[in-house]
Amino acid sequence: MVDFIQNTLDGIFIGSSYALLAIGFTLIFGVMRRLNLSYGPSIMLGVFAGTLLYIQLNAGLLVVGLATVVGAVLAGLYVERICFWAVRRGAALASMVSSFAIWMQLEEAVTIVFPDRTYPFPPLADFTLKLGPFWVRGEHLIMFICASLLTILLHLLLYRTRFGLAIRAVSENPTAAKFMGINTGLVVMFAFALASVIGGVAGYLIASTDQQVTPLFGLWATFKGLIAMTLGGMGSIPGAIAGGLLLGVIEAQSVWYLGTEYRDLVAYAVLFAFLVFRPGGLFAQKSAMQSRLAARRV
């Protein structure tokens, strides 16, 4: 029982970073109803910007973190201008395919500039806490605290500010929001920037916990964010949080009881089960059922 609780704690701490990735995907999908496949590679670009300063200038944690976030934001805005602003709103498939092309472009650019397999990243913390029979790694605790604070700030931004009201209005009905005088293009751009900030923080926390980064980070971040978002419910921020935590716990338990090689296999199996039996995820089942009923009527 102690092992099960310890694994659950570890999964929640790690899952907090997955939740941040899922929130970034959810923000973009919720505002535009489009899937940004370049979100993970955009974060990767920010992480490599931070590690470049660390390698070349021996920069500290604050400078590396700032460079990671700024790099992710610039890459995210580049994706928004190329794949979403330049493609008309009704062409969801075209924008998704173009974001996949930009994914390949960003990954190839990073591979050319950073030809080695792995690069060091400065550690966030180096201590361990003992709480009774349980152990908590310092970097995991800091990751969980940062993710919690960022989630609270995001909630306040979305539900306590005029900008948050504009985002929710564009997400609900972009045409009506435009007639009400909201600059939908500007709101979408700022939503991309906000999602990139969240992704940059998540990338920094994950890389500093692993103390290394590879050119495959973009692929990894994309898979983890998409799986967590789907488990929680596409378009739901509470669902993104729950999906990320659930994914972390599933991975932690599968590693302990089955082995590291089964971690991703179990996660994909759970994802498949959700898609078959609960396609709306944990928090968006009602909207999924409404869409299914509407399709049947047509």
Protein backbone atom coordinates (compact mmCIF):
# COMPACT_ATOMS: atom_id res chain seq x y z
CA MET A 1 0.00 0.00 0.00
CA VAL A 2 2.89 2.33 0.78
CA ASP A 3 4.33 1.75 -2.70
CA PHE A 4 0.97 2.49 -4.31
CA ILE A 5 0.60 5.79 -2.43
CA GLN A 6 4.23 6.74 -3.17
CA ASN A 7 3.71 6.06 -6.87
CA THR A 8 0.50 8.09 -6.81
CA LEU A 9 2.30 11.05 -5.24
CA ASP A 10 5.10 10.83 -7.80
CA GLY A 11 2.53 10.58 -10.58
CA ILE A 12 0.66 13.67 -9.38
CA PHE A 13 3.86 15.71 -9.19
CA ILE A 14 4.98 14.63 -12.68
CA GLY A 15 1.44 14.91 -14.00
CA SER A 16 1.34 18.59 -13.03
CA SER A 17 3.77 19.29 -15.89
CA TYR A 18 1.60 17.21 -18.24
CA ALA A 19 -1.36 19.32 -17.11
CA LEU A 20 0.45 22.51 -18.17
CA LEU A 21 1.11 21.04 -21.61
CA ALA A 22 -2.54 20.02 -21.91
CA ILE A 23 -3.69 23.50 -20.84
CA GLY A 24 -1.65 25.03 -23.65
CA PHE A 25 -3.24 22.71 -26.21
CA THR A 26 -6.67 23.39 -24.71
CA LEU A 27 -6.32 27.17 -24.87
CA ILE A 28 -5.57 27.08 -28.59
CA PHE A 29 -8.20 24.45 -29.36
CA GLY A 30 -10.81 26.18 -27.22
CA VAL A 31 -10.35 29.56 -28.92
CA MET A 32 -9.91 28.43 -32.53
CA ARG A 33 -11.33 24.88 -32.59
CA ARG A 34 -8.11 23.85 -34.31
CA LEU A 35 -5.31 21.53 -33.25
CA ASN A 36 -1.81 22.99 -33.14
CA LEU A 37 0.61 20.12 -33.74
CA SER A 38 3.56 22.52 -33.54
CA TYR A 39 2.94 23.33 -29.88
CA GLY A 40 5.46 20.78 -28.58
CA PRO A 41 8.22 21.77 -31.04
CA SER A 42 7.64 25.46 -30.17
CA ILE A 43 8.32 24.59 -26.53
CA MET A 44 11.38 22.59 -27.63
CA LEU A 45 12.75 25.65 -29.40
CA GLY A 46 12.42 27.65 -26.18
CA VAL A 47 14.11 24.93 -24.15
CA PHE A 48 17.05 24.83 -26.55
CA ALA A 49 17.31 28.63 -26.41
CA GLY A 50 17.71 28.28 -22.65
CA THR A 51 20.22 25.46 -22.87
CA LEU A 52 22.25 27.43 -25.43
CA LEU A 53 22.72 30.25 -22.92
CA TYR A 54 23.57 27.72 -20.25
CA ILE A 55 26.22 26.02 -22.39
CA GLN A 56 27.76 29.10 -23.99
CA LEU A 57 27.50 31.68 -21.19
CA ASN A 58 26.97 29.49 -18.11
CA ALA A 59 23.80 31.49 -17.44
CA GLY A 60 21.89 31.07 -14.19
CA LEU A 61 18.46 29.56 -13.64
CA LEU A 62 16.58 32.84 -13.96
CA VAL A 63 18.20 33.79 -17.28
CA VAL A 64 17.76 30.26 -18.66
CA GLY A 65 14.12 30.23 -17.60
CA LEU A 66 13.45 33.63 -19.16
CA ALA A 67 15.14 32.58 -22.41
CA THR A 68 13.08 29.38 -22.48
CA VAL A 69 9.79 31.23 -22.10
CA VAL A 70 10.70 33.99 -24.59
CA GLY A 71 11.89 31.43 -27.14
CA ALA A 72 8.68 29.44 -26.79
CA VAL A 73 6.55 32.59 -27.20
CA LEU A 74 8.41 33.72 -30.34
CA ALA A 75 8.12 30.24 -31.84
CA GLY A 76 4.42 30.09 -30.93
CA LEU A 77 3.70 33.45 -32.55
CA TYR A 78 5.58 32.31 -35.66
CA VAL A 79 3.34 29.23 -35.85
CA GLU A 80 0.22 31.35 -35.32
CA ARG A 81 1.11 33.75 -38.15
CA ILE A 82 2.08 31.01 -40.60
CA CYS A 83 -0.43 28.26 -39.86
CA PHE A 84 -3.51 29.91 -38.40
CA TRP A 85 -3.67 33.61 -39.22
CA ALA A 86 -2.74 33.01 -42.87
CA VAL A 87 -5.25 30.14 -43.26
CA ARG A 88 -8.94 30.99 -43.31
CA ARG A 89 -10.92 30.01 -40.26
CA GLY A 90 -13.00 27.29 -41.89
CA ALA A 91 -9.95 25.36 -43.07
CA ALA A 92 -9.23 23.49 -39.84
CA LEU A 93 -7.62 20.55 -41.62
CA ALA A 94 -5.34 22.82 -43.68
CA SER A 95 -4.11 24.65 -40.59
CA MET A 96 -3.48 21.37 -38.76
CA VAL A 97 -1.50 19.96 -41.69
CA SER A 98 0.49 23.19 -42.01
CA SER A 99 1.27 23.08 -38.28
CA PHE A 100 2.62 19.56 -38.79
CA ALA A 101 4.86 20.92 -41.58
CA ILE A 102 6.13 23.65 -39.24
CA TRP A 103 6.74 20.95 -36.63
CA MET A 104 9.10 19.22 -39.06
CA GLN A 105 10.72 22.55 -39.90
CA LEU A 106 11.40 23.48 -36.27
CA GLU A 107 12.67 20.01 -35.41
CA GLU A 108 15.02 19.98 -38.40
CA ALA A 109 16.33 23.45 -37.54
CA VAL A 110 17.10 22.39 -33.96
CA THR A 111 18.77 19.18 -35.18
CA ILE A 112 21.05 21.17 -37.49
CA VAL A 113 22.07 23.68 -34.81
CA PHE A 114 22.33 21.03 -32.07
CA PRO A 115 23.64 17.87 -33.79
CA ASP A 116 24.43 15.94 -30.61
CA ARG A 117 21.92 13.57 -29.04
CA THR A 118 21.60 15.20 -25.61
CA TYR A 119 22.53 18.55 -24.04
CA PRO A 120 22.74 19.52 -20.37
CA PHE A 121 20.14 21.70 -18.69
CA PRO A 122 20.62 23.35 -15.28
CA PRO A 123 18.95 21.49 -12.38
CA LEU A 124 16.12 23.19 -10.55
CA ALA A 125 16.79 21.73 -7.09
CA ASP A 126 18.82 19.03 -5.40
CA PHE A 127 17.11 17.94 -2.20
CA THR A 128 14.67 15.30 -1.00
CA LEU A 129 11.99 15.56 1.67
CA LYS A 130 10.85 12.66 3.85
CA LEU A 131 7.22 12.76 4.95
CA GLY A 132 6.71 9.73 7.14
CA PRO A 133 7.21 6.67 4.94
CA PHE A 134 7.06 8.76 1.75
CA TRP A 135 9.75 10.61 -0.17
CA VAL A 136 9.32 13.77 -2.25
CA ARG A 137 11.97 14.99 -4.65
CA GLY A 138 12.63 18.71 -4.41
CA GLU A 139 12.32 19.37 -8.14
CA HIS A 140 8.99 17.52 -8.22
CA LEU A 141 7.66 19.61 -5.35
CA ILE A 142 8.76 22.86 -7.01
CA MET A 143 7.22 21.69 -10.30
CA PHE A 144 3.89 21.00 -8.59
CA ILE A 145 3.89 24.36 -6.77
CA CYS A 146 4.74 26.30 -9.94
CA ALA A 147 2.09 24.45 -11.94
CA SER A 148 -0.52 25.12 -9.24
CA LEU A 149 0.30 28.83 -9.06
CA LEU A 150 0.26 29.15 -12.84
CA THR A 151 -3.11 27.42 -13.02
CA ILE A 152 -4.57 29.77 -10.39
CA LEU A 153 -3.24 32.81 -12.24
CA LEU A 154 -4.71 31.50 -15.49
CA HIS A 155 -8.10 31.04 -13.82
CA LEU A 156 -8.01 34.61 -12.49
CA LEU A 157 -7.01 35.90 -15.92
CA LEU A 158 -9.81 34.07 -17.73
CA TYR A 159 -12.60 34.80 -15.25
CA ARG A 160 -11.60 38.09 -13.59
CA THR A 161 -10.32 40.26 -16.45
CA ARG A 162 -11.73 41.80 -19.61
CA PHE A 163 -9.11 39.97 -21.65
CA GLY A 164 -10.31 36.67 -20.23
CA LEU A 165 -13.87 37.63 -21.07
CA ALA A 166 -12.79 38.36 -24.65
CA ILE A 167 -11.09 34.96 -24.92
CA ARG A 168 -14.20 33.18 -23.67
CA ALA A 169 -16.40 35.19 -26.01
CA VAL A 170 -14.28 34.32 -29.05
CA SER A 171 -14.24 30.68 -27.96
CA GLU A 172 -18.03 30.60 -27.59
CA ASN A 173 -18.98 32.44 -30.78
CA PRO A 174 -16.30 34.26 -32.79
CA THR A 175 -18.79 35.87 -35.15
CA ALA A 176 -20.87 37.34 -32.33
CA ALA A 177 -17.69 38.46 -30.55
CA LYS A 178 -16.57 40.28 -33.68
CA PHE A 179 -19.94 42.08 -33.97
CA MET A 180 -19.58 43.13 -30.34
CA GLY A 181 -16.38 44.97 -31.22
CA ILE A 182 -13.81 42.41 -30.10
CA ASN A 183 -10.68 42.22 -32.24
CA THR A 184 -10.76 38.45 -32.72
CA GLY A 185 -7.43 38.32 -34.55
CA LEU A 186 -5.67 40.09 -31.68
CA VAL A 187 -7.36 37.88 -29.10
CA VAL A 188 -6.24 34.75 -30.95
CA MET A 189 -2.67 36.02 -31.15
CA PHE A 190 -2.60 36.80 -27.43
CA ALA A 191 -4.13 33.39 -26.68
CA PHE A 192 -1.27 31.78 -28.62
CA ALA A 193 1.22 33.88 -26.67
CA LEU A 194 -0.41 32.90 -23.38
CA ALA A 195 -0.37 29.22 -24.31
CA SER A 196 3.30 29.56 -25.29
CA VAL A 197 4.15 31.14 -21.93
CA ILE A 198 2.52 28.22 -20.14
CA GLY A 199 4.30 25.77 -22.44
CA GLY A 200 7.63 27.53 -21.91
CA VAL A 201 7.27 27.25 -18.14
CA ALA A 202 6.30 23.58 -18.48
CA GLY A 203 9.28 22.92 -20.76
CA TYR A 204 11.64 24.65 -18.33
CA LEU A 205 10.33 22.65 -15.36
CA ILE A 206 10.52 19.34 -17.22
CA ALA A 207 13.99 19.94 -18.67
CA SER A 208 15.40 21.13 -15.33
CA THR A 209 13.98 18.02 -13.65
CA ASP A 210 15.56 15.73 -16.27
CA GLN A 211 18.72 17.93 -16.36
CA GLN A 212 18.99 17.28 -20.09
CA VAL A 213 17.19 17.95 -23.35
CA THR A 214 17.13 16.20 -26.73
CA PRO A 215 15.76 17.13 -30.19
CA LEU A 216 12.97 14.61 -29.52
CA PHE A 217 11.57 16.82 -26.76
CA GLY A 218 9.05 18.38 -29.16
CA LEU A 219 7.62 14.99 -30.13
CA TRP A 220 7.46 13.91 -26.50
CA ALA A 221 5.74 17.12 -25.35
CA THR A 222 3.20 16.90 -28.18
CA PHE A 223 2.23 13.32 -27.32
CA LYS A 224 1.98 13.98 -23.58
CA GLY A 225 -0.05 17.16 -24.03
CA LEU A 226 -2.45 15.63 -26.54
CA ILE A 227 -3.01 12.50 -24.47
CA ALA A 228 -3.63 14.49 -21.30
CA MET A 229 -6.02 16.86 -23.10
CA THR A 230 -7.95 13.96 -24.62
CA LEU A 231 -8.25 12.12 -21.31
CA GLY A 232 -9.57 15.23 -19.60
CA GLY A 233 -11.78 16.43 -22.44
CA MET A 234 -10.87 18.59 -25.41
CA GLY A 235 -11.60 22.25 -24.79
CA SER A 236 -11.91 21.94 -21.01
CA ILE A 237 -9.25 23.53 -18.82
CA PRO A 238 -10.33 21.62 -15.69
CA GLY A 239 -10.26 18.53 -17.88
CA ALA A 240 -6.73 19.34 -19.02
CA ILE A 241 -5.61 19.53 -15.38
CA ALA A 242 -7.34 16.28 -14.45
CA GLY A 243 -6.09 14.55 -17.59
CA GLY A 244 -2.50 15.55 -16.91
CA LEU A 245 -2.62 14.33 -13.31
CA LEU A 246 -4.31 11.09 -14.38
CA LEU A 247 -1.68 10.45 -17.05
CA GLY A 248 1.10 11.02 -14.54
CA VAL A 249 -0.41 8.56 -12.05
CA ILE A 250 -1.01 5.95 -14.77
CA GLU A 251 2.61 6.18 -15.91
CA ALA A 252 4.01 6.03 -12.39
CA GLN A 253 1.98 2.97 -11.46
CA SER A 254 2.75 1.16 -14.73
CA VAL A 255 6.49 1.78 -14.34
CA TRP A 256 6.47 0.36 -10.81
CA TYR A 257 4.29 -2.69 -11.43
CA LEU A 258 5.08 -3.52 -15.06
CA GLY A 259 8.39 -1.87 -15.94
CA THR A 260 9.59 1.19 -17.82
CA GLU A 261 9.07 -0.41 -21.22
CA TYR A 262 5.30 -0.65 -20.58
CA ARG A 263 4.79 2.98 -19.52
CA ASP A 264 3.79 4.39 -22.90
CA LEU A 265 1.96 1.21 -23.91
CA VAL A 266 -0.33 1.44 -20.88
CA ALA A 267 -0.92 5.16 -21.47
CA TYR A 268 -1.93 4.52 -25.09
CA ALA A 269 -4.20 1.66 -24.01
CA VAL A 270 -5.99 3.93 -21.52
CA LEU A 271 -6.30 6.60 -24.21
CA PHE A 272 -7.86 4.08 -26.60
CA ALA A 273 -10.31 2.98 -23.92
CA PHE A 274 -11.36 6.58 -23.31
CA LEU A 275 -11.84 7.21 -27.03
CA VAL A 276 -14.09 4.15 -27.30
CA PHE A 277 -16.11 4.31 -24.09
CA ARG A 278 -15.88 7.98 -23.07
CA PRO A 279 -14.87 10.07 -26.10
CA GLY A 280 -15.59 13.34 -24.30
CA GLY A 281 -12.99 12.59 -21.64
CA LEU A 282 -13.51 13.32 -17.96
CA PHE A 283 -15.05 16.80 -18.32
CA ALA A 284 -16.41 17.16 -21.86
CA GLN A 285 -18.63 14.11 -22.22
CA LYS A 286 -21.81 16.20 -22.53
CA SER A 287 -20.54 18.19 -25.52
CA ALA A 288 -19.24 15.02 -27.16
CA MET A 289 -22.65 13.36 -26.82
CA GLN A 290 -24.35 16.45 -28.26
CA SER A 291 -22.04 16.36 -31.28
CA ARG A 292 -22.72 12.66 -31.77
CA LEU A 293 -26.49 13.19 -31.61
CA ALA A 294 -26.26 16.08 -34.06
CA ALA A 295 -24.29 13.90 -36.49
CA ARG A 296 -26.92 11.18 -36.24
CA ARG A 297 -29.70 13.68 -37.03
CA VAL A 298 -27.84 14.83 -40.12
